Amino acid sequence: MIDRYSYCQLGMSPQRFYAKWGVSQEAIAAICSRSLSTVRCWFRKGRSYRRPTPTDLRHLALMDFLLDHFEQMPPDLINVLCLSKRETSES
């Protein structure tokens, strides 16, 4: 599994994620742990365009997968994957 994940070319563009899920650029910034100004550059054209990193594309692809399969996931798995900041600091 580690090898498969390591060599997986998993990625989704911000434009495709936005078109599919209709989320705000603020939400995309939160998913990728980027500033809103960085995400805005991903949607620009011309000289002010900035390319998202492979890590950003992977974050969006993973979130896409989670959103697509959310209803099929057992609550225990969701709780393990999505611990709140408060819960992780108490550990």
Protein backbone atom coordinates (compact mmCIF):
# COMPACT_ATOMS: atom_id res chain seq x y z
CA MET A 1 0.00 0.00 0.00
CA ILE A 2 2.86 2.39 0.81
CA ASP A 3 4.46 1.80 -2.60
CA ARG A 4 1.16 2.29 -4.39
CA TYR A 5 0.49 5.54 -2.55
CA SER A 6 4.05 6.78 -3.02
CA TYR A 7 3.96 6.36 -6.80
CA CYS A 8 0.32 7.27 -7.31
CA GLN A 9 -0.19 10.29 -9.55
CA LEU A 10 -3.26 11.34 -7.59
CA GLY A 11 -4.23 14.92 -8.34
CA MET A 12 -7.15 17.20 -9.09
CA SER A 13 -6.93 20.76 -10.33
CA PRO A 14 -8.47 23.56 -8.27
CA GLN A 15 -10.64 24.48 -11.27
CA ARG A 16 -12.00 20.96 -11.59
CA PHE A 17 -12.60 20.68 -7.84
CA TYR A 18 -14.39 24.04 -7.84
CA ALA A 19 -16.56 23.06 -10.81
CA LYS A 20 -17.49 19.71 -9.29
CA TRP A 21 -18.20 20.79 -5.72
CA GLY A 22 -19.08 24.49 -6.05
CA VAL A 23 -17.07 25.43 -2.99
CA SER A 24 -15.52 28.81 -2.32
CA GLN A 25 -11.88 29.64 -2.88
CA GLU A 26 -11.69 30.04 0.91
CA ALA A 27 -12.67 26.38 1.30
CA ILE A 28 -10.03 25.32 -1.23
CA ALA A 29 -7.46 27.37 0.71
CA ALA A 30 -8.44 25.57 3.93
CA ILE A 31 -8.25 22.13 2.28
CA CYS A 32 -4.76 22.83 0.93
CA SER A 33 -3.51 24.84 3.94
CA ARG A 34 -2.76 27.80 1.70
CA SER A 35 -3.57 31.48 1.90
CA LEU A 36 -6.55 32.81 0.02
CA SER A 37 -4.24 35.00 -2.09
CA THR A 38 -2.29 31.90 -3.20
CA VAL A 39 -5.49 30.12 -4.20
CA ARG A 40 -6.69 33.19 -6.10
CA CYS A 41 -3.47 33.03 -8.14
CA TRP A 42 -4.39 29.47 -9.17
CA PHE A 43 -7.55 30.80 -10.82
CA ARG A 44 -5.94 33.75 -12.60
CA LYS A 45 -4.77 33.88 -16.18
CA GLY A 46 -1.64 35.42 -17.60
CA ARG A 47 1.40 36.60 -15.72
CA SER A 48 -0.21 36.55 -12.28
CA TYR A 49 -1.14 32.85 -12.60
CA ARG A 50 0.59 30.55 -10.12
CA ARG A 51 0.63 26.78 -10.54
CA PRO A 52 -0.53 24.68 -7.56
CA THR A 53 2.05 22.22 -6.24
CA PRO A 54 1.65 18.45 -6.60
CA THR A 55 0.86 18.42 -2.87
CA ASP A 56 -2.02 20.86 -3.42
CA LEU A 57 -3.39 18.71 -6.25
CA ARG A 58 -3.16 15.63 -4.03
CA HIS A 59 -5.02 17.35 -1.17
CA LEU A 60 -7.85 18.25 -3.55
CA ALA A 61 -7.97 14.73 -5.01
CA LEU A 62 -8.11 13.18 -1.55
CA MET A 63 -10.88 15.56 -0.48
CA ASP A 64 -12.75 14.75 -3.70
CA PHE A 65 -12.49 11.05 -2.84
CA LEU A 66 -13.70 11.66 0.73
CA LEU A 67 -16.65 13.74 -0.47
CA ASP A 68 -17.58 11.15 -3.10
CA HIS A 69 -17.52 8.32 -0.55
CA PHE A 70 -18.55 10.11 2.64
CA GLU A 71 -21.96 8.42 2.94
CA GLN A 72 -20.39 4.96 2.58
CA MET A 73 -17.82 5.55 5.33
CA PRO A 74 -18.47 4.18 8.80
CA PRO A 75 -18.69 6.90 11.49
CA ASP A 76 -15.68 5.41 13.31
CA LEU A 77 -13.52 5.88 10.22
CA ILE A 78 -14.70 9.47 9.78
CA ASN A 79 -13.87 10.17 13.42
CA VAL A 80 -10.36 8.74 13.02
CA LEU A 81 -9.71 10.68 9.80
CA CYS A 82 -11.21 13.94 10.96
CA LEU A 83 -10.20 14.55 14.53
CA SER A 84 -10.68 18.15 15.55
CA LYS A 85 -7.70 20.27 16.58
CA ARG A 86 -9.00 20.16 20.13
CA GLU A 87 -9.10 16.37 20.19
CA THR A 88 -5.55 16.03 18.84
CA SER A 89 -4.11 18.51 21.36
CA GLU A 90 -5.69 16.59 24.24
CA SER A 91 -3.94 13.34 23.24
